[in-house]
């Protein structure tokens, strides 16, 4: 017999009748009349081809078929109540995998702190970090497995954005680079640059062209890499230069140094972005709070 052929409300009635072992008490619990309960049982008898219950004094006695169904119905109703009920979120028992998308893991100096925070606050959870190429656009948060994106604020239907911080970007060179003092526009124009292009055709990591254009300084780009961390590695080993977030420069301070230039100050705003589909989820809310506190600490 297909479950689609049975009104599942009738199974709820049978469950309550078997639990109460009395039609009148079952009616009170279901907030209906005893005749409504009797009619429901009659329909279910016809559907299952079994009497289900027989009267005994003021109560009822289940048939073998109903006795067989009783524990199954009890377990099913209990599971449904748990699934539909508003249960408090328990971080200690959460075994969920949280997926975080970031533009460049090597640039994100707070990832080790986040790993420690996850281990401390969500000890049984799993953290999965993916690159920005996992999202063709931030609008894909609605259909992807990504729970949260941290980077340049996104736009799109159903997208929630929570600003985090604004970071200064600096032009850097290796420690022993020949450039010294404040560079003139001419000297700046003679430097050779590494450009960051995180997704081919979409220069997420190259918002610096405007700074050079505003200063009327040509930029000689001789190499393109997919991440800030790769650019930092190249610059540390060559006479090329690149633009980096100041936090990454601080983390690589032993091998890199900032150059003093006539370029206007340049900053990038970062935010957390997530889709409406996870907005109200207690576990996702706890994860977002943990990421925010880690980044801002």
Protein backbone atom coordinates (compact mmCIF):
# COMPACT_ATOMS: atom_id res chain seq x y z
CA UNK A 1 0.00 0.00 0.00
CA UNK A 2 1.30 3.44 -0.93
CA UNK A 3 1.51 6.03 1.85
CA UNK A 4 0.09 8.54 -0.60
CA UNK A 5 -3.23 6.68 -0.53
CA UNK A 6 -3.74 7.28 3.22
CA UNK A 7 -4.67 10.48 5.00
CA UNK A 8 -1.80 10.78 7.49
CA UNK A 9 -4.07 12.64 9.91
CA UNK A 10 -5.78 9.28 10.47
CA UNK A 11 -2.46 7.81 11.64
CA UNK A 12 -2.19 10.59 14.21
CA UNK A 13 -5.67 9.75 15.46
CA UNK A 14 -4.76 6.06 15.77
CA UNK A 15 -1.55 6.97 17.63
CA UNK A 16 -3.45 9.05 20.19
CA UNK A 17 -6.20 6.43 20.60
CA UNK A 18 -3.62 3.70 21.20
CA UNK A 19 -1.76 5.94 23.65
CA UNK A 20 -4.87 6.89 25.64
CA UNK A 21 -6.64 3.52 25.22
CA UNK A 22 -9.88 5.48 25.32
CA UNK A 23 -11.79 7.25 22.54
CA UNK A 24 -13.14 10.07 24.75
CA UNK A 25 -9.70 10.92 26.18
CA UNK A 26 -8.21 10.78 22.69
CA UNK A 27 -10.88 13.22 21.48
CA UNK A 28 -10.04 15.64 24.33
CA UNK A 29 -6.33 15.47 23.49
CA UNK A 30 -7.00 16.07 19.79
CA UNK A 31 -9.55 18.83 20.52
CA UNK A 32 -12.28 17.09 18.51
CA UNK A 33 -15.50 15.22 19.34
CA UNK A 34 -15.57 11.49 20.14
CA UNK A 35 -17.69 10.94 17.01
CA UNK A 36 -14.92 12.56 14.90
CA UNK A 37 -12.42 10.10 16.38
CA UNK A 38 -14.77 7.17 15.69
CA UNK A 39 -15.26 8.31 12.10
CA UNK A 40 -11.48 8.59 11.61
CA UNK A 41 -10.98 5.08 12.95
CA UNK A 42 -13.69 3.78 10.62
CA UNK A 43 -11.94 5.31 7.59
CA UNK A 44 -8.61 3.85 8.68
CA UNK A 45 -10.19 0.40 9.17
CA UNK A 46 -11.42 0.49 5.58
CA UNK A 47 -8.02 1.63 4.30
CA UNK A 48 -6.03 -1.02 6.21
CA UNK A 49 -8.58 -3.82 6.17
CA UNK A 50 -8.30 -4.39 9.93
CA UNK A 51 -10.59 -3.57 12.91
CA UNK A 52 -7.57 -1.96 14.68
CA UNK A 53 -9.31 -1.65 18.08
CA UNK A 54 -12.18 -3.37 19.87
CA UNK A 55 -14.11 -2.12 22.89
CA UNK A 56 -13.46 -3.52 26.35
CA UNK A 57 -15.51 -1.90 29.09
CA UNK A 58 -14.96 1.84 28.84
CA UNK A 59 -11.68 1.45 27.01
CA UNK A 60 -10.34 -0.19 23.88
CA UNK A 61 -8.00 -3.09 23.08
CA UNK A 62 -5.72 -3.00 20.01
CA UNK A 63 -5.75 -5.78 17.46
CA UNK A 64 -2.42 -7.51 16.66
CA UNK A 65 -2.05 -5.23 13.60
CA UNK A 66 -2.62 -2.09 15.70
CA UNK A 67 -0.24 -3.39 18.39
CA UNK A 68 2.39 -3.83 15.68
CA UNK A 69 1.81 -0.27 14.46
CA UNK A 70 1.82 1.33 17.92
CA UNK A 71 5.61 1.58 18.55
CA UNK A 72 6.24 2.64 14.96
CA UNK A 73 3.66 5.43 15.22
CA UNK A 74 5.01 6.50 18.62
CA UNK A 75 8.58 6.71 17.31
CA UNK A 76 7.51 8.54 14.14
CA UNK A 77 5.41 11.12 16.00
CA UNK A 78 8.25 11.71 18.48
CA UNK A 79 10.75 12.28 15.66
CA UNK A 80 8.37 14.68 13.91
CA UNK A 81 7.83 16.68 17.10
CA UNK A 82 11.59 16.99 17.55
CA UNK A 83 12.10 18.01 13.93
CA UNK A 84 9.32 20.59 13.99
CA UNK A 85 9.95 21.92 17.48
CA UNK A 86 12.12 24.94 18.29
CA UNK A 87 15.08 23.20 19.87
CA UNK A 88 17.89 25.22 21.44
CA UNK A 89 21.19 25.06 19.57
CA UNK A 90 23.87 23.09 21.42
CA UNK A 91 27.37 24.06 20.19
CA UNK A 92 29.00 21.17 22.07
CA UNK A 93 27.03 18.50 20.16
CA UNK A 94 26.93 20.20 16.72
CA UNK A 95 28.49 17.92 14.07
CA UNK A 96 27.73 20.10 11.08
CA UNK A 97 30.21 21.02 8.34
CA UNK A 98 30.43 24.81 7.93
CA UNK A 99 31.68 26.03 4.56
CA UNK A 100 33.42 29.41 4.42
CA UNK A 101 34.40 31.10 1.15
CA UNK A 102 37.31 33.56 1.20
CA UNK A 103 39.14 35.29 -1.61
CA UNK A 104 42.60 34.11 -0.59
CA UNK A 105 43.25 31.80 2.35
CA UNK A 106 46.93 32.75 2.38
CA UNK A 107 45.96 36.39 2.84
CA UNK A 108 43.55 35.68 5.69
CA UNK A 109 45.74 35.98 8.77
CA UNK A 110 42.80 35.17 11.08
CA UNK A 111 42.24 31.62 9.77
CA UNK A 112 44.47 30.02 12.45
CA UNK A 113 42.55 31.93 15.13
CA UNK A 114 39.27 30.73 13.61
CA UNK A 115 40.51 27.13 13.67
CA UNK A 116 41.25 27.48 17.39
CA UNK A 117 37.86 29.12 18.03
CA UNK A 118 36.03 26.32 16.18
CA UNK A 119 37.85 23.70 18.23
CA UNK A 120 36.96 25.53 21.43
CA UNK A 121 33.35 26.58 20.74
CA UNK A 122 32.18 23.93 18.23
CA UNK A 123 34.41 20.97 19.11
CA UNK A 124 32.55 18.40 17.00
CA UNK A 125 31.96 20.60 13.95
CA UNK A 126 34.02 20.58 10.74
CA UNK A 127 35.30 23.73 9.01
CA UNK A 128 35.63 23.68 5.22
CA UNK A 129 37.28 26.67 3.53
CA UNK A 130 36.93 27.23 -0.22
CA UNK A 131 38.27 29.90 -2.54
CA UNK A 132 36.33 32.68 -4.19
CA UNK A 133 36.27 30.66 -7.42
CA UNK A 134 33.73 28.41 -5.70
CA UNK A 135 31.30 31.26 -6.21
CA UNK A 136 30.93 32.59 -9.74
CA UNK A 137 29.00 35.42 -8.11
CA UNK A 138 27.86 36.03 -4.56
CA UNK A 139 24.31 35.41 -5.72
CA UNK A 140 25.29 31.74 -5.91
CA UNK A 141 25.17 31.61 -2.11
CA UNK A 142 21.50 30.81 -2.59
CA UNK A 143 22.20 27.53 -4.35
CA UNK A 144 25.68 26.51 -3.19
CA UNK A 145 26.85 24.72 -0.06
CA UNK A 146 28.66 27.84 1.13
CA UNK A 147 27.34 29.09 4.48
CA UNK A 148 29.32 32.33 4.59
CA UNK A 149 31.55 34.50 2.40
CA UNK A 150 34.11 36.90 3.82
CA UNK A 151 35.52 39.47 1.44
CA UNK A 152 34.41 42.40 -0.66
CA UNK A 153 30.67 42.97 0.06
CA UNK A 154 28.36 41.23 -2.37
CA UNK A 155 25.04 42.15 -3.90
CA UNK A 156 22.10 40.05 -4.97
CA UNK A 157 18.58 38.95 -4.11
CA UNK A 158 18.26 37.33 -0.72
CA UNK A 159 21.79 38.33 0.29
CA UNK A 160 22.58 39.60 3.79
CA UNK A 161 25.71 41.71 4.30
CA UNK A 162 27.38 42.56 7.61
CA UNK A 163 30.31 45.05 7.33
CA UNK A 164 33.47 43.99 9.14
CA UNK A 165 36.41 46.32 8.63
CA UNK A 166 38.23 48.59 6.20
CA UNK A 167 41.85 47.69 5.48
CA UNK A 168 44.61 49.85 4.03
CA UNK A 169 46.45 48.54 0.97
CA UNK A 170 50.16 49.21 0.46
CA UNK A 171 52.74 48.87 -2.31
CA UNK A 172 55.41 46.41 -1.16
CA UNK A 173 58.84 45.18 -2.24
CA UNK A 174 61.35 42.72 -0.87
CA UNK A 175 63.45 43.85 2.07
CA UNK A 176 66.61 44.47 0.00
CA UNK A 177 64.93 46.09 -2.98
CA UNK A 178 66.88 48.99 -4.49
CA UNK A 179 63.96 51.42 -4.11
CA UNK A 180 64.54 53.71 -1.13
CA UNK A 181 62.94 56.80 0.38
CA UNK A 182 59.82 58.35 -1.10
CA UNK A 183 59.47 57.33 -4.72
CA UNK A 184 58.85 59.97 -7.37
CA UNK A 185 56.16 59.38 -9.97
CA UNK A 186 58.88 58.63 -12.50
CA UNK A 187 60.62 56.09 -10.24
CA UNK A 188 57.26 54.52 -9.39
CA UNK A 189 56.44 54.19 -13.07
CA UNK A 190 59.69 52.31 -13.69
CA UNK A 191 58.87 49.52 -11.22
CA UNK A 192 57.61 46.18 -12.50
CA UNK A 193 54.44 44.81 -10.90
CA UNK A 194 52.76 41.54 -9.99
CA UNK A 195 48.99 41.78 -10.40
CA UNK A 196 46.54 39.60 -8.47
CA UNK A 197 43.63 38.13 -10.45
CA UNK A 198 41.72 35.69 -8.28
CA UNK A 199 39.18 34.63 -10.90
CA UNK A 200 40.17 34.84 -14.59
CA UNK A 201 38.38 37.76 -16.19
CA UNK A 202 37.25 39.13 -12.82
CA UNK A 203 39.95 41.18 -11.11
CA UNK A 204 38.76 40.78 -7.53
CA UNK A 205 42.28 41.32 -6.27
CA UNK A 206 43.18 44.26 -8.52
CA UNK A 207 41.21 47.29 -7.34
CA UNK A 208 44.50 49.24 -7.32
CA UNK A 209 44.47 50.29 -10.97
CA UNK A 210 42.34 53.29 -9.99
CA UNK A 211 44.99 54.48 -7.50
CA UNK A 212 47.67 54.50 -10.21
CA UNK A 213 45.32 56.16 -12.71
CA UNK A 214 44.42 58.85 -10.19
CA UNK A 215 48.12 59.56 -9.61
CA UNK A 216 48.72 59.53 -13.38
CA UNK A 217 51.36 56.82 -13.02
CA UNK A 218 51.69 54.00 -15.57
CA UNK A 219 51.96 50.51 -14.13
CA UNK A 220 54.17 47.91 -15.78
CA UNK A 221 52.48 44.57 -15.11
CA UNK A 222 54.84 41.71 -15.94
CA UNK A 223 53.18 38.88 -14.02
CA UNK A 224 49.68 37.85 -12.93
CA UNK A 225 49.00 35.42 -10.07
CA UNK A 226 45.77 34.06 -8.53
CA UNK A 227 46.25 35.19 -4.93
CA UNK A 228 47.78 37.84 -2.66
CA UNK A 229 49.84 35.17 -0.91
CA UNK A 230 51.35 34.07 -4.25
CA UNK A 231 52.13 37.70 -5.09
CA UNK A 232 53.84 38.11 -1.71
CA UNK A 233 55.99 35.02 -2.33
CA UNK A 234 57.05 36.25 -5.79
CA UNK A 235 57.88 39.74 -4.56
CA UNK A 236 59.89 38.38 -1.61
CA UNK A 237 62.15 36.51 -4.06
CA UNK A 238 62.43 39.06 -6.92
CA UNK A 239 62.68 42.77 -7.67
CA UNK A 240 59.00 42.91 -8.61
CA UNK A 241 56.49 44.85 -6.48
CA UNK A 242 52.81 44.40 -5.71
CA UNK A 243 49.91 45.85 -3.74
CA UNK A 244 48.97 43.91 -0.58
CA UNK A 245 46.54 44.35 2.31
CA UNK A 246 48.38 45.78 5.31
CA UNK A 247 47.54 42.75 7.46
CA UNK A 248 49.38 40.45 5.06
CA UNK A 249 52.35 42.80 5.00
CA UNK A 250 52.43 42.66 8.81
CA UNK A 251 52.43 38.86 8.68
CA UNK A 252 55.24 38.83 6.06
CA UNK A 253 57.22 41.70 7.62
CA UNK A 254 60.50 39.78 7.73
CA UNK A 255 60.70 39.44 3.96
CA UNK A 256 58.68 42.44 2.71
CA UNK A 257 58.54 46.19 3.34
CA UNK A 258 56.20 48.98 2.33
CA UNK A 259 57.29 51.55 -0.24
CA UNK A 260 56.57 55.25 0.29
CA UNK A 261 54.80 56.49 -2.83
CA UNK A 262 52.83 59.48 -4.10
CA UNK A 263 49.81 57.23 -4.58
CA UNK A 264 46.58 58.33 -2.87
CA UNK A 265 45.54 56.31 0.17
CA UNK A 266 43.70 53.16 -0.87
CA UNK A 267 41.53 50.93 1.33
CA UNK A 268 39.27 47.93 0.80
CA UNK A 269 36.06 47.29 2.73
CA UNK A 270 35.42 43.74 3.86
CA UNK A 271 32.15 42.17 4.99
CA UNK A 272 30.44 38.88 5.74
CA UNK A 273 27.82 37.84 3.19
CA UNK A 274 25.28 35.03 3.47
CA UNK A 275 22.01 34.03 1.85
CA UNK A 276 18.50 34.15 3.25
CA UNK A 277 18.37 30.33 3.18
CA UNK A 278 20.71 30.17 6.22
CA UNK A 279 19.76 33.48 7.84
CA UNK A 280 17.51 32.05 10.58
CA UNK A 281 19.36 28.76 11.10
CA UNK A 282 20.66 28.65 14.72
CA UNK A 283 23.86 26.80 13.80
CA UNK A 284 24.64 29.20 10.94
CA UNK A 285 23.99 32.18 13.24
CA UNK A 286 26.42 30.77 15.81
CA UNK A 287 29.03 30.20 13.10
CA UNK A 288 28.67 33.77 11.80
CA UNK A 289 29.05 35.16 15.31
CA UNK A 290 32.18 33.10 15.83
CA UNK A 291 33.72 34.28 12.54
CA UNK A 292 32.91 37.90 13.31
CA UNK A 293 34.40 37.80 16.82
CA UNK A 294 37.52 36.06 15.46
CA UNK A 295 38.11 38.64 12.72
CA UNK A 296 37.43 41.63 14.96
CA UNK A 297 39.53 40.41 17.91
